[in-house]
Amino acid sequence: MRATTGHRGFTRRQMGKVITYALLIAVTVVLTIPVVYLISTSLKSESEYISEQLQFLPRSPQWRNYYLALTMIDFGRYALNSFLLATSFATLTVITSSMAGYGFARIPGVGRSRLFSVVVALILIPASIFIIPQFVLFSNLRVTNSYWPWVLWGLSASPFFIFLFRQFFLSFPAELEEAAEVDGARVWRIFVQIVLPNSYPALATSFILAFLSVWGDWLMPLLYLADKNTTLAVKLITAYVNPQGFPIVTPTLAASVLYILPPVVMFFFVQRYIMQGVVTSGLKG
């Protein structure tokens, strides 16, 4: 009788795993379909794309679309603009947000909890609300048509990343910091030499999210940057047109495939740290 119960329990566990994996595979397939369709459509001819007959796969792959995507605009220059802008912004944001998060987690002060509540409340405010006052501010500062708005955004840190770092640092072993204090280390040295080198999950998570927020943004570059130093996202929606001024869709989709490759490659390199950061950033607090 006991053996039968144990066998039934084992079978239920196995069934639970099968159902879980089946659901995960189904969700993965659903999420993958748009990407596969994007790649498939980028290999179609323009006539196939505008055809009323729905066809998932191209009759004959048009690799020339990728050649057009690279040659119709100065693809390399705009991609480099996007990469430098996103990398610089992400680096500054990670530095300032980690400093603020460590202060909220470890440095006592009057009104610290109330100030942190204000920071958390800022996460709930939609970014679109700040577009007009930010534009007026940067116009008065005469920093439009340059990368200075992103430098100022990076230096001002991010409420969400401050929250993420604060939660991560709360779970950081206090014994390491106490041992450093006994050896005479001050707060800045502890933060730079002990805390940050052991914070790769939070650093990687915040960096990739900050990078993607700029890499995928087209509205702010459209407002603040001139054509010569704009980003690839802006050119994707404005530059791929025929001599009559009408958009050419298939080269645009081919450029979109190339556009999503850097974030995908970056994610595969840092996904382990991102998963650790998601798991460990909410353990305390």
Protein backbone atom coordinates (compact mmCIF):
# COMPACT_ATOMS: atom_id res chain seq x y z
CA MET A 1 0.00 0.00 0.00
CA ARG A 2 2.81 2.41 0.86
CA ALA A 3 4.67 1.51 -2.30
CA THR A 4 1.57 2.26 -4.37
CA THR A 5 1.16 5.67 -2.69
CA GLY A 6 4.80 6.47 -3.29
CA HIS A 7 4.45 5.41 -6.91
CA ARG A 8 1.38 7.60 -7.33
CA GLY A 9 3.18 10.55 -5.74
CA PHE A 10 6.10 10.09 -8.12
CA THR A 11 3.72 9.94 -11.07
CA ARG A 12 2.00 13.17 -10.01
CA ARG A 13 5.32 14.94 -9.74
CA GLN A 14 6.27 13.74 -13.19
CA MET A 15 2.91 14.86 -14.59
CA GLY A 16 3.39 18.26 -12.97
CA LYS A 17 6.77 18.62 -14.67
CA VAL A 18 5.35 17.54 -18.03
CA ILE A 19 2.51 20.07 -17.79
CA THR A 20 4.90 22.83 -16.69
CA TYR A 21 7.32 22.19 -19.55
CA ALA A 22 4.44 21.93 -22.03
CA LEU A 23 3.15 25.34 -20.92
CA LEU A 24 6.63 26.86 -21.11
CA ILE A 25 7.16 25.46 -24.60
CA ALA A 26 3.76 26.78 -25.70
CA VAL A 27 4.51 30.27 -24.35
CA THR A 28 7.94 30.20 -26.01
CA VAL A 29 6.41 29.27 -29.36
CA VAL A 30 3.83 32.06 -29.10
CA LEU A 31 6.52 34.62 -28.25
CA THR A 32 8.82 33.36 -31.01
CA ILE A 33 6.24 33.55 -33.83
CA PRO A 34 6.51 37.37 -34.31
CA VAL A 35 10.31 37.17 -34.49
CA VAL A 36 10.20 34.32 -37.00
CA TYR A 37 7.62 36.21 -39.05
CA LEU A 38 9.80 39.32 -38.98
CA ILE A 39 12.79 37.39 -40.32
CA SER A 40 10.64 35.62 -42.91
CA THR A 41 9.06 38.84 -44.15
CA SER A 42 12.45 40.54 -44.35
CA LEU A 43 13.39 37.95 -46.99
CA LYS A 44 10.32 38.55 -49.14
CA SER A 45 10.08 40.74 -52.19
CA GLU A 46 8.06 43.92 -51.94
CA SER A 47 5.36 42.44 -54.19
CA GLU A 48 5.05 39.39 -51.92
CA TYR A 49 4.67 41.63 -48.90
CA ILE A 50 1.84 43.70 -50.36
CA SER A 51 0.09 40.65 -51.81
CA GLU A 52 -3.35 39.92 -50.39
CA GLN A 53 -2.47 36.22 -50.17
CA LEU A 54 -1.08 35.37 -46.75
CA GLN A 55 2.21 33.52 -47.11
CA PHE A 56 4.37 32.84 -44.09
CA LEU A 57 7.56 31.84 -45.91
CA PRO A 58 9.08 33.66 -48.93
CA ARG A 59 9.00 31.91 -52.29
CA SER A 60 12.60 32.84 -52.95
CA PRO A 61 14.68 34.48 -50.17
CA GLN A 62 15.64 38.02 -51.12
CA TRP A 63 19.01 38.50 -49.42
CA ARG A 64 19.32 41.74 -51.35
CA ASN A 65 17.02 43.31 -48.77
CA TYR A 66 19.86 43.11 -46.25
CA TYR A 67 22.23 44.69 -48.75
CA LEU A 68 19.74 47.53 -49.24
CA ALA A 69 19.31 47.86 -45.47
CA LEU A 70 23.05 48.44 -45.10
CA THR A 71 23.55 50.69 -48.12
CA MET A 72 20.42 52.86 -48.36
CA ILE A 73 21.62 54.70 -45.24
CA ASP A 74 24.96 54.97 -43.48
CA PHE A 75 23.94 52.04 -41.31
CA GLY A 76 27.28 51.67 -39.52
CA ARG A 77 27.46 55.31 -38.45
CA TYR A 78 23.93 55.43 -37.05
CA ALA A 79 24.41 52.07 -35.33
CA LEU A 80 27.61 53.41 -33.76
CA ASN A 81 25.74 56.54 -32.63
CA SER A 82 23.11 54.37 -30.97
CA PHE A 83 25.70 52.12 -29.35
CA LEU A 84 27.81 54.96 -27.94
CA LEU A 85 24.75 56.84 -26.68
CA ALA A 86 23.18 53.77 -25.07
CA THR A 87 26.48 52.59 -23.54
CA SER A 88 27.36 56.02 -22.12
CA PHE A 89 23.89 56.51 -20.66
CA ALA A 90 23.79 53.00 -19.18
CA THR A 91 27.24 53.39 -17.61
CA LEU A 92 26.41 56.73 -15.98
CA THR A 93 23.02 55.50 -14.80
CA VAL A 94 24.49 52.36 -13.24
CA ILE A 95 27.18 54.35 -11.42
CA THR A 96 24.87 56.99 -9.95
CA SER A 97 22.00 54.58 -9.21
CA SER A 98 24.30 52.12 -7.42
CA MET A 99 25.69 54.93 -5.28
CA ALA A 100 22.20 56.13 -4.35
CA GLY A 101 21.00 52.58 -3.74
CA TYR A 102 23.92 51.86 -1.44
CA GLY A 103 23.24 55.06 0.49
CA PHE A 104 19.61 54.08 1.05
CA ALA A 105 20.58 50.55 2.05
CA ARG A 106 23.56 51.12 4.33
CA ILE A 107 24.07 54.76 5.32
CA PRO A 108 21.73 55.93 8.12
CA GLY A 109 20.27 59.41 8.03
CA VAL A 110 17.32 61.50 9.12
CA GLY A 111 14.35 61.07 6.78
CA ARG A 112 15.97 58.30 4.75
CA SER A 113 12.83 56.16 4.63
CA ARG A 114 10.64 59.07 3.57
CA LEU A 115 13.07 60.11 0.86
CA PHE A 116 13.20 56.52 -0.42
CA SER A 117 9.39 56.51 -0.53
CA VAL A 118 9.56 59.55 -2.79
CA VAL A 119 12.03 57.74 -5.06
CA VAL A 120 9.75 54.70 -5.28
CA ALA A 121 6.76 56.95 -6.01
CA LEU A 122 8.63 58.42 -8.99
CA ILE A 123 8.62 54.98 -10.61
CA LEU A 124 4.84 55.22 -10.96
CA ILE A 125 4.94 58.47 -12.96
CA PRO A 126 4.81 57.87 -16.75
CA ALA A 127 7.88 59.13 -18.59
CA SER A 128 5.71 60.85 -21.22
CA ILE A 129 4.63 63.44 -18.62
CA PHE A 130 8.17 64.82 -18.48
CA ILE A 131 8.63 65.29 -22.24
CA ILE A 132 7.50 68.94 -22.45
CA PRO A 133 9.20 70.25 -19.26
CA GLN A 134 12.39 68.38 -20.16
CA PHE A 135 12.42 69.86 -23.65
CA VAL A 136 11.90 73.37 -22.27
CA LEU A 137 14.65 72.82 -19.69
CA PHE A 138 17.18 71.49 -22.19
CA SER A 139 16.31 74.24 -24.66
CA ASN A 140 16.99 76.88 -22.00
CA LEU A 141 20.26 75.12 -21.18
CA ARG A 142 21.07 75.06 -24.93
CA VAL A 143 22.05 71.40 -24.92
CA THR A 144 19.73 70.26 -27.70
CA ASN A 145 21.27 68.76 -30.88
CA SER A 146 23.83 67.05 -28.66
CA TYR A 147 24.19 64.07 -26.35
CA TRP A 148 24.13 66.23 -23.21
CA PRO A 149 20.48 65.43 -22.34
CA TRP A 150 21.40 61.76 -21.98
CA VAL A 151 24.46 62.66 -19.90
CA LEU A 152 22.24 64.67 -17.54
CA TRP A 153 19.69 61.84 -17.40
CA GLY A 154 22.46 59.38 -16.59
CA LEU A 155 23.95 61.55 -13.87
CA SER A 156 20.52 62.00 -12.26
CA ALA A 157 20.17 58.21 -11.83
CA SER A 158 16.99 56.17 -12.26
CA PRO A 159 14.36 55.62 -9.53
CA PHE A 160 13.80 52.03 -10.62
CA PHE A 161 17.51 51.20 -10.58
CA ILE A 162 17.94 52.92 -7.21
CA PHE A 163 15.20 50.66 -5.88
CA LEU A 164 16.81 47.60 -7.48
CA PHE A 165 20.26 48.36 -6.02
CA ARG A 166 18.84 49.21 -2.62
CA GLN A 167 17.05 45.86 -2.43
CA PHE A 168 20.15 44.03 -3.61
CA PHE A 169 22.45 45.75 -1.13
CA LEU A 170 20.08 44.96 1.74
CA SER A 171 20.77 41.27 1.05
CA PHE A 172 24.53 41.85 0.86
CA PRO A 173 26.44 40.24 3.79
CA ALA A 174 27.08 42.97 6.36
CA GLU A 175 29.97 40.97 7.83
CA LEU A 176 32.19 41.85 4.86
CA GLU A 177 31.64 45.56 5.39
CA GLU A 178 32.14 45.27 9.14
CA ALA A 179 35.44 43.47 8.63
CA ALA A 180 36.59 46.22 6.28
CA GLU A 181 35.61 48.88 8.82
CA VAL A 182 37.71 47.11 11.44
CA ASP A 183 40.66 47.34 9.05
CA GLY A 184 40.12 51.09 8.76
CA ALA A 185 38.29 51.27 5.43
CA ARG A 186 35.82 54.10 4.95
CA VAL A 187 32.44 54.03 3.20
CA TRP A 188 33.71 54.93 -0.28
CA ARG A 189 36.47 52.32 -0.22
CA ILE A 190 34.08 49.65 1.06
CA PHE A 191 31.62 50.49 -1.70
CA VAL A 192 34.19 50.48 -4.52
CA GLN A 193 36.49 47.65 -3.47
CA ILE A 194 34.12 45.26 -1.69
CA VAL A 195 30.48 45.88 -2.54
CA LEU A 196 30.62 46.64 -6.27
CA PRO A 197 32.93 43.72 -7.24
CA ASN A 198 30.39 41.37 -5.63
CA SER A 199 27.33 42.98 -7.23
CA TYR A 200 27.54 41.67 -10.79
CA PRO A 201 23.89 40.49 -10.88
CA ALA A 202 22.49 43.93 -10.04
CA LEU A 203 25.05 45.71 -12.22
CA ALA A 204 24.36 43.52 -15.24
CA THR A 205 20.60 43.74 -14.84
CA SER A 206 20.55 47.52 -14.53
CA PHE A 207 23.07 48.01 -17.35
CA ILE A 208 21.18 45.91 -19.91
CA LEU A 209 17.84 47.52 -19.01
CA ALA A 210 19.31 51.03 -19.22
CA PHE A 211 21.02 50.15 -22.51
CA LEU A 212 17.76 48.87 -23.99
CA SER A 213 15.83 51.94 -22.86
CA VAL A 214 18.05 54.12 -25.07
CA TRP A 215 18.74 51.63 -27.86
CA GLY A 216 15.02 51.12 -28.47
CA ASP A 217 13.96 54.75 -28.03
CA TRP A 218 13.20 56.87 -31.09
CA LEU A 219 11.13 59.73 -29.65
CA MET A 220 13.88 61.42 -27.62
CA PRO A 221 16.52 61.26 -30.38
CA LEU A 222 13.91 62.59 -32.79
CA LEU A 223 13.35 65.58 -30.49
CA TYR A 224 16.91 66.35 -29.42
CA LEU A 225 19.32 65.19 -32.13
CA ALA A 226 20.13 66.49 -35.58
CA ASP A 227 20.25 64.12 -38.53
CA LYS A 228 24.04 63.74 -38.52
CA ASN A 229 24.20 62.45 -34.93
CA THR A 230 20.80 60.78 -34.61
CA THR A 231 20.31 57.11 -33.76
CA LEU A 232 19.52 54.04 -35.81
CA ALA A 233 16.01 53.80 -34.37
CA VAL A 234 15.09 57.16 -35.93
CA LYS A 235 16.49 56.22 -39.33
CA LEU A 236 14.56 52.95 -39.34
CA ILE A 237 11.26 54.84 -39.38
CA THR A 238 12.27 57.73 -41.64
CA ALA A 239 15.00 56.77 -44.11
CA TYR A 240 13.90 53.68 -46.03
CA VAL A 241 11.78 55.26 -48.77
CA ASN A 242 11.68 55.09 -52.56
CA PRO A 243 12.33 58.10 -54.82
CA GLN A 244 8.64 59.00 -54.62
CA GLY A 245 8.83 59.19 -50.83
CA PHE A 246 6.87 56.05 -50.05
CA PRO A 247 8.28 53.60 -47.47
CA ILE A 248 9.97 50.42 -48.66
CA VAL A 249 8.94 47.81 -46.13
CA THR A 250 11.10 44.74 -46.73
CA PRO A 251 14.49 46.52 -46.48
CA THR A 252 13.13 48.24 -43.37
CA LEU A 253 12.31 44.86 -41.84
CA ALA A 254 15.76 43.57 -42.81
CA ALA A 255 17.28 46.57 -41.04
CA SER A 256 15.05 45.80 -38.05
CA VAL A 257 16.47 42.28 -37.87
CA LEU A 258 19.99 43.71 -37.80
CA TYR A 259 18.82 46.30 -35.27
CA ILE A 260 17.73 43.70 -32.71
CA LEU A 261 20.90 41.61 -32.94
CA PRO A 262 23.15 43.63 -30.53
CA PRO A 263 20.68 43.49 -27.57
CA VAL A 264 20.09 39.78 -28.19
CA VAL A 265 23.81 39.02 -28.25
CA MET A 266 24.36 41.16 -25.15
CA PHE A 267 21.57 39.34 -23.32
CA PHE A 268 23.07 35.92 -24.03
CA PHE A 269 26.37 37.06 -22.53
CA VAL A 270 24.86 38.47 -19.32
CA GLN A 271 21.66 36.43 -18.89
CA ARG A 272 23.11 34.47 -15.97
CA TYR A 273 23.75 37.66 -14.01
CA ILE A 274 20.35 39.08 -14.96
CA MET A 275 18.57 36.00 -13.60
CA GLN A 276 20.57 36.21 -10.38
CA GLY A 277 19.73 39.90 -10.06
CA VAL A 278 16.00 39.28 -10.52
CA VAL A 279 16.06 36.53 -7.89
CA THR A 280 18.19 38.29 -5.28
CA SER A 281 17.05 41.93 -5.56
CA GLY A 282 13.88 41.47 -3.53
CA LEU A 283 15.01 39.26 -0.66
CA LYS A 284 14.94 41.94 2.02
CA GLY A 285 13.43 45.31 2.69
